[in-house]
Amino acid sequence: MTDILRGWKEIEAYLRMKRKAILRNGYPIRFEGGDTEQRRNVFAVRGELLRHARTRTCVPREEEK
């Protein structure tokens, strides 16, 4: 299992949330290419998402290995 989630589809599935909710709740999502206006390539780090989720009321379950 990789620590990097690439693309909205993987990030949404991991957090079990839709894109707008993820952005609204301030999850640490990164945009490759530097310019957030383009938003072509998006990725997130699992550990960062979990740390952020622990400050929220709901925490995504760790995937079974």
PDB file of N, CA and C in Angstrom:
ATOM      1  N   MET A   1       0.854  -1.178   0.000  1.00  0.00           N
ATOM      2  CA  MET A   1       0.000   0.000   0.000  1.00  0.00           C
ATOM      3  C   MET A   1       0.898   1.239   0.000  1.00  0.00           C
ATOM      4  N   THR A   2       0.588   2.181  -0.858  1.00  0.00           N
ATOM      5  CA  THR A   2       1.367   3.413  -0.939  1.00  0.00           C
ATOM      6  C   THR A   2       0.777   4.472  -0.007  1.00  0.00           C
ATOM      7  N   ASP A   3       1.638   5.381   0.437  1.00  0.00           N
ATOM      8  CA  ASP A   3       1.188   6.454   1.315  1.00  0.00           C
ATOM      9  C   ASP A   3       0.618   7.628   0.549  1.00  0.00           C
ATOM     10  N   ILE A   4       0.756   7.606  -0.766  1.00  0.00           N
ATOM     11  CA  ILE A   4       0.266   8.702  -1.602  1.00  0.00           C
ATOM     12  C   ILE A   4      -1.032   8.284  -2.295  1.00  0.00           C
ATOM     13  N   LEU A   5      -2.042   9.127  -2.171  1.00  0.00           N
ATOM     14  CA  LEU A   5      -3.301   8.936  -2.890  1.00  0.00           C
ATOM     15  C   LEU A   5      -3.293   9.896  -4.064  1.00  0.00           C
ATOM     16  N   ARG A   6      -3.468   9.377  -5.254  1.00  0.00           N
ATOM     17  CA  ARG A   6      -3.411  10.205  -6.460  1.00  0.00           C
ATOM     18  C   ARG A   6      -4.795  10.325  -7.085  1.00  0.00           C
ATOM     19  N   GLY A   7      -5.233  11.535  -7.265  1.00  0.00           N
ATOM     20  CA  GLY A   7      -6.513  11.807  -7.907  1.00  0.00           C
ATOM     21  C   GLY A   7      -7.663  11.864  -6.915  1.00  0.00           C
ATOM     22  N   TRP A   8      -8.688  12.595  -7.318  1.00  0.00           N
ATOM     23  CA  TRP A   8      -9.854  12.757  -6.452  1.00  0.00           C
ATOM     24  C   TRP A   8     -10.547  11.435  -6.166  1.00  0.00           C
ATOM     25  N   LYS A   9     -10.563  10.540  -7.121  1.00  0.00           N
ATOM     26  CA  LYS A   9     -11.254   9.269  -6.931  1.00  0.00           C
ATOM     27  C   LYS A   9     -10.667   8.492  -5.745  1.00  0.00           C
ATOM     28  N   GLU A  10      -9.353   8.400  -5.667  1.00  0.00           N
ATOM     29  CA  GLU A  10      -8.702   7.692  -4.561  1.00  0.00           C
ATOM     30  C   GLU A  10      -8.893   8.421  -3.236  1.00  0.00           C
ATOM     31  N   ILE A  11      -8.771   9.741  -3.263  1.00  0.00           N
ATOM     32  CA  ILE A  11      -8.911  10.529  -2.036  1.00  0.00           C
ATOM     33  C   ILE A  11     -10.331  10.434  -1.502  1.00  0.00           C
ATOM     34  N   GLU A  12     -11.322  10.574  -2.389  1.00  0.00           N
ATOM     35  CA  GLU A  12     -12.726  10.478  -1.971  1.00  0.00           C
ATOM     36  C   GLU A  12     -13.047   9.095  -1.411  1.00  0.00           C
ATOM     37  N   ALA A  13     -12.535   8.055  -2.033  1.00  0.00           N
ATOM     38  CA  ALA A  13     -12.797   6.691  -1.558  1.00  0.00           C
ATOM     39  C   ALA A  13     -12.158   6.469  -0.188  1.00  0.00           C
ATOM     40  N   TYR A  14     -10.960   6.971   0.009  1.00  0.00           N
ATOM     41  CA  TYR A  14     -10.261   6.786   1.285  1.00  0.00           C
ATOM     42  C   TYR A  14     -10.977   7.510   2.413  1.00  0.00           C
ATOM     43  N   LEU A  15     -11.383   8.750   2.177  1.00  0.00           N
ATOM     44  CA  LEU A  15     -12.043   9.544   3.223  1.00  0.00           C
ATOM     45  C   LEU A  15     -13.545   9.298   3.308  1.00  0.00           C
ATOM     46  N   ARG A  16     -14.083   8.658   2.269  1.00  0.00           N
ATOM     47  CA  ARG A  16     -15.532   8.437   2.179  1.00  0.00           C
ATOM     48  C   ARG A  16     -16.293   9.755   2.244  1.00  0.00           C
ATOM     49  N   MET A  17     -15.793  10.699   1.466  1.00  0.00           N
ATOM     50  CA  MET A  17     -16.404  12.030   1.351  1.00  0.00           C
ATOM     51  C   MET A  17     -16.312  12.482  -0.095  1.00  0.00           C
ATOM     52  N   LYS A  18     -17.147  13.407  -0.444  1.00  0.00           N
ATOM     53  CA  LYS A  18     -17.094  14.024  -1.765  1.00  0.00           C
ATOM     54  C   LYS A  18     -16.091  15.170  -1.751  1.00  0.00           C
ATOM     55  N   ARG A  19     -15.633  15.540  -2.934  1.00  0.00           N
ATOM     56  CA  ARG A  19     -14.607  16.572  -3.110  1.00  0.00           C
ATOM     57  C   ARG A  19     -14.933  17.873  -2.379  1.00  0.00           C
ATOM     58  N   LYS A  20     -16.154  18.359  -2.524  1.00  0.00           N
ATOM     59  CA  LYS A  20     -16.514  19.625  -1.888  1.00  0.00           C
ATOM     60  C   LYS A  20     -16.415  19.549  -0.369  1.00  0.00           C
ATOM     61  N   ALA A  21     -16.814  18.422   0.211  1.00  0.00           N
ATOM     62  CA  ALA A  21     -16.731  18.257   1.666  1.00  0.00           C
ATOM     63  C   ALA A  21     -15.272  18.201   2.120  1.00  0.00           C
ATOM     64  N   ILE A  22     -14.434  17.544   1.339  1.00  0.00           N
ATOM     65  CA  ILE A  22     -13.011  17.444   1.667  1.00  0.00           C
ATOM     66  C   ILE A  22     -12.388  18.843   1.686  1.00  0.00           C
ATOM     67  N   LEU A  23     -12.655  19.621   0.660  1.00  0.00           N
ATOM     68  CA  LEU A  23     -12.116  20.976   0.584  1.00  0.00           C
ATOM     69  C   LEU A  23     -12.711  21.871   1.670  1.00  0.00           C
ATOM     70  N   ARG A  24     -14.000  21.748   1.912  1.00  0.00           N
ATOM     71  CA  ARG A  24     -14.672  22.567   2.920  1.00  0.00           C
ATOM     72  C   ARG A  24     -14.115  22.308   4.319  1.00  0.00           C
ATOM     73  N   ASN A  25     -13.749  21.045   4.586  1.00  0.00           N
ATOM     74  CA  ASN A  25     -13.225  20.680   5.901  1.00  0.00           C
ATOM     75  C   ASN A  25     -11.724  20.895   6.018  1.00  0.00           C
ATOM     76  N   GLY A  26     -11.109  21.428   4.984  1.00  0.00           N
ATOM     77  CA  GLY A  26      -9.716  21.840   5.068  1.00  0.00           C
ATOM     78  C   GLY A  26      -8.686  20.716   5.061  1.00  0.00           C
ATOM     79  N   TYR A  27      -9.026  19.576   4.467  1.00  0.00           N
ATOM     80  CA  TYR A  27      -8.063  18.478   4.391  1.00  0.00           C
ATOM     81  C   TYR A  27      -6.848  18.909   3.571  1.00  0.00           C
ATOM     82  N   PRO A  28      -5.661  18.430   3.933  1.00  0.00           N
ATOM     83  CA  PRO A  28      -4.435  18.829   3.236  1.00  0.00           C
ATOM     84  C   PRO A  28      -4.283  18.155   1.873  1.00  0.00           C
ATOM     85  N   ILE A  29      -4.876  18.754   0.877  1.00  0.00           N
ATOM     86  CA  ILE A  29      -4.824  18.271  -0.499  1.00  0.00           C
ATOM     87  C   ILE A  29      -3.779  19.101  -1.244  1.00  0.00           C
ATOM     88  N   ARG A  30      -2.991  18.453  -2.053  1.00  0.00           N
ATOM     89  CA  ARG A  30      -1.924  19.150  -2.789  1.00  0.00           C
ATOM     90  C   ARG A  30      -2.187  19.093  -4.289  1.00  0.00           C
ATOM     91  N   PHE A  31      -1.792  20.160  -4.938  1.00  0.00           N
ATOM     92  CA  PHE A  31      -1.959  20.263  -6.378  1.00  0.00           C
ATOM     93  C   PHE A  31      -0.581  20.319  -7.020  1.00  0.00           C
ATOM     94  N   GLU A  32      -0.287  19.385  -7.916  1.00  0.00           N
ATOM     95  CA  GLU A  32       1.000  19.380  -8.614  1.00  0.00           C
ATOM     96  C   GLU A  32       1.008  20.472  -9.663  1.00  0.00           C
ATOM     97  N   GLY A  33       2.158  21.021  -9.913  1.00  0.00           N
ATOM     98  CA  GLY A  33       2.282  22.069 -10.903  1.00  0.00           C
ATOM     99  C   GLY A  33       2.289  23.450 -10.292  1.00  0.00           C
ATOM    100  N   GLY A  34       2.014  23.544  -9.001  1.00  0.00           N
ATOM    101  CA  GLY A  34       2.100  24.808  -8.296  1.00  0.00           C
ATOM    102  C   GLY A  34       0.890  25.717  -8.414  1.00  0.00           C
ATOM    103  N   ASP A  35       0.276  25.815  -9.568  1.00  0.00           N
ATOM    104  CA  ASP A  35      -0.841  26.727  -9.775  1.00  0.00           C
ATOM    105  C   ASP A  35      -2.147  26.025  -9.429  1.00  0.00           C
ATOM    106  N   THR A  36      -2.786  26.443  -8.337  1.00  0.00           N
ATOM    107  CA  THR A  36      -4.029  25.791  -7.908  1.00  0.00           C
ATOM    108  C   THR A  36      -5.190  26.099  -8.842  1.00  0.00           C
ATOM    109  N   GLU A  37      -5.050  27.107  -9.693  1.00  0.00           N
ATOM    110  CA  GLU A  37      -6.119  27.407 -10.648  1.00  0.00           C
ATOM    111  C   GLU A  37      -6.273  26.284 -11.665  1.00  0.00           C
ATOM    112  N   GLN A  38      -5.179  25.648 -12.039  1.00  0.00           N
ATOM    113  CA  GLN A  38      -5.242  24.586 -13.039  1.00  0.00           C
ATOM    114  C   GLN A  38      -5.796  23.300 -12.443  1.00  0.00           C
ATOM    115  N   ARG A  39      -5.370  22.960 -11.237  1.00  0.00           N
ATOM    116  CA  ARG A  39      -5.867  21.788 -10.504  1.00  0.00           C
ATOM    117  C   ARG A  39      -5.892  20.520 -11.351  1.00  0.00           C
ATOM    118  N   ARG A  40      -4.881  20.319 -12.146  1.00  0.00           N
ATOM    119  CA  ARG A  40      -4.838  19.136 -13.004  1.00  0.00           C
ATOM    120  C   ARG A  40      -4.541  17.873 -12.217  1.00  0.00           C
ATOM    121  N   ASN A  41      -3.410  17.861 -11.520  1.00  0.00           N
ATOM    122  CA  ASN A  41      -2.993  16.678 -10.791  1.00  0.00           C
ATOM    123  C   ASN A  41      -3.094  16.944  -9.299  1.00  0.00           C
ATOM    124  N   VAL A  42      -3.912  16.167  -8.637  1.00  0.00           N
ATOM    125  CA  VAL A  42      -4.125  16.345  -7.211  1.00  0.00           C
ATOM    126  C   VAL A  42      -3.638  15.094  -6.497  1.00  0.00           C
ATOM    127  N   PHE A  43      -3.076  15.286  -5.279  1.00  0.00           N
ATOM    128  CA  PHE A  43      -2.659  14.143  -4.484  1.00  0.00           C
ATOM    129  C   PHE A  43      -2.725  14.488  -3.009  1.00  0.00           C
ATOM    130  N   ALA A  44      -2.665  13.456  -2.174  1.00  0.00           N
ATOM    131  CA  ALA A  44      -2.683  13.634  -0.731  1.00  0.00           C
ATOM    132  C   ALA A  44      -1.857  12.520  -0.098  1.00  0.00           C
ATOM    133  N   VAL A  45      -1.356  12.792   1.096  1.00  0.00           N
ATOM    134  CA  VAL A  45      -0.578  11.818   1.850  1.00  0.00           C
ATOM    135  C   VAL A  45      -1.478  11.240   2.940  1.00  0.00           C
ATOM    136  N   ARG A  46      -1.569   9.904   3.006  1.00  0.00           N
ATOM    137  CA  ARG A  46      -2.463   9.248   3.968  1.00  0.00           C
ATOM    138  C   ARG A  46      -2.244   9.722   5.398  1.00  0.00           C
ATOM    139  N   GLY A  47      -0.991   9.785   5.826  1.00  0.00           N
ATOM    140  CA  GLY A  47      -0.685  10.198   7.196  1.00  0.00           C
ATOM    141  C   GLY A  47      -1.197  11.593   7.513  1.00  0.00           C
ATOM    142  N   GLU A  48      -1.055  12.510   6.562  1.00  0.00           N
ATOM    143  CA  GLU A  48      -1.550  13.877   6.756  1.00  0.00           C
ATOM    144  C   GLU A  48      -3.063  13.903   6.846  1.00  0.00           C
ATOM    145  N   LEU A  49      -3.724  13.090   6.012  1.00  0.00           N
ATOM    146  CA  LEU A  49      -5.185  13.030   6.055  1.00  0.00           C
ATOM    147  C   LEU A  49      -5.661  12.482   7.396  1.00  0.00           C
ATOM    148  N   LEU A  50      -4.988  11.437   7.885  1.00  0.00           N
ATOM    149  CA  LEU A  50      -5.372  10.855   9.176  1.00  0.00           C
ATOM    150  C   LEU A  50      -5.164  11.836  10.321  1.00  0.00           C
ATOM    151  N   ARG A  51      -4.035  12.543  10.313  1.00  0.00           N
ATOM    152  CA  ARG A  51      -3.789  13.530  11.371  1.00  0.00           C
ATOM    153  C   ARG A  51      -4.868  14.603  11.353  1.00  0.00           C
ATOM    154  N   HIS A  52      -5.231  15.055  10.162  1.00  0.00           N
ATOM    155  CA  HIS A  52      -6.278  16.073  10.057  1.00  0.00           C
ATOM    156  C   HIS A  52      -7.627  15.503  10.510  1.00  0.00           C
ATOM    157  N   ALA A  53      -7.915  14.263  10.110  1.00  0.00           N
ATOM    158  CA  ALA A  53      -9.195  13.641  10.457  1.00  0.00           C
ATOM    159  C   ALA A  53      -9.343  13.471  11.964  1.00  0.00           C
ATOM    160  N   ARG A  54      -8.255  13.249  12.659  1.00  0.00           N
ATOM    161  CA  ARG A  54      -8.326  13.064  14.125  1.00  0.00           C
ATOM    162  C   ARG A  54      -8.757  14.333  14.826  1.00  0.00           C
ATOM    163  N   THR A  55      -8.597  15.478  14.180  1.00  0.00           N
ATOM    164  CA  THR A  55      -9.063  16.735  14.760  1.00  0.00           C
ATOM    165  C   THR A  55     -10.543  16.962  14.453  1.00  0.00           C
ATOM    166  N   ARG A  56     -11.096  16.145  13.561  1.00  0.00           N
ATOM    167  CA  ARG A  56     -12.506  16.236  13.178  1.00  0.00           C
ATOM    168  C   ARG A  56     -13.306  15.233  14.003  1.00  0.00           C
ATOM    169  N   THR A  57     -14.613  15.217  13.829  1.00  0.00           N
ATOM    170  CA  THR A  57     -15.460  14.296  14.591  1.00  0.00           C
ATOM    171  C   THR A  57     -15.479  12.893  14.004  1.00  0.00           C
ATOM    172  N   CYS A  58     -15.224  12.744  12.698  1.00  0.00           N
ATOM    173  CA  CYS A  58     -15.225  11.415  12.104  1.00  0.00           C
ATOM    174  C   CYS A  58     -13.833  11.102  11.563  1.00  0.00           C
ATOM    175  N   VAL A  59     -13.387   9.887  11.778  1.00  0.00           N
ATOM    176  CA  VAL A  59     -12.060   9.458  11.361  1.00  0.00           C
ATOM    177  C   VAL A  59     -12.213   8.310  10.371  1.00  0.00           C
ATOM    178  N   PRO A  60     -11.554   8.370   9.208  1.00  0.00           N
ATOM    179  CA  PRO A  60     -11.657   7.265   8.262  1.00  0.00           C
ATOM    180  C   PRO A  60     -10.980   6.016   8.834  1.00  0.00           C
ATOM    181  N   ARG A  61     -11.543   4.863   8.554  1.00  0.00           N
ATOM    182  CA  ARG A  61     -10.960   3.608   9.036  1.00  0.00           C
ATOM    183  C   ARG A  61      -9.703   3.299   8.257  1.00  0.00           C
ATOM    184  N   GLU A  62      -8.725   2.719   8.953  1.00  0.00           N
ATOM    185  CA  GLU A  62      -7.527   2.247   8.278  1.00  0.00           C
ATOM    186  C   GLU A  62      -7.908   1.053   7.430  1.00  0.00           C
ATOM    187  N   GLU A  63      -7.342   0.963   6.243  1.00  0.00           N
ATOM    188  CA  GLU A  63      -7.644  -0.152   5.365  1.00  0.00           C
ATOM    189  C   GLU A  63      -7.010  -1.415   5.904  1.00  0.00           C
ATOM    190  N   GLU A  64      -7.700  -2.526   5.723  1.00  0.00           N
ATOM    191  CA  GLU A  64      -7.152  -3.808   6.152  1.00  0.00           C
ATOM    192  C   GLU A  64      -6.024  -4.214   5.234  1.00  0.00           C
ATOM    193  N   LYS A  65      -5.012  -4.823   5.819  1.00  0.00           N
ATOM    194  CA  LYS A  65      -3.844  -5.232   5.022  1.00  0.00           C
ATOM    195  C   LYS A  65      -3.944  -6.669   4.619  1.00  0.00           C
TER     196      LYS A  65
END
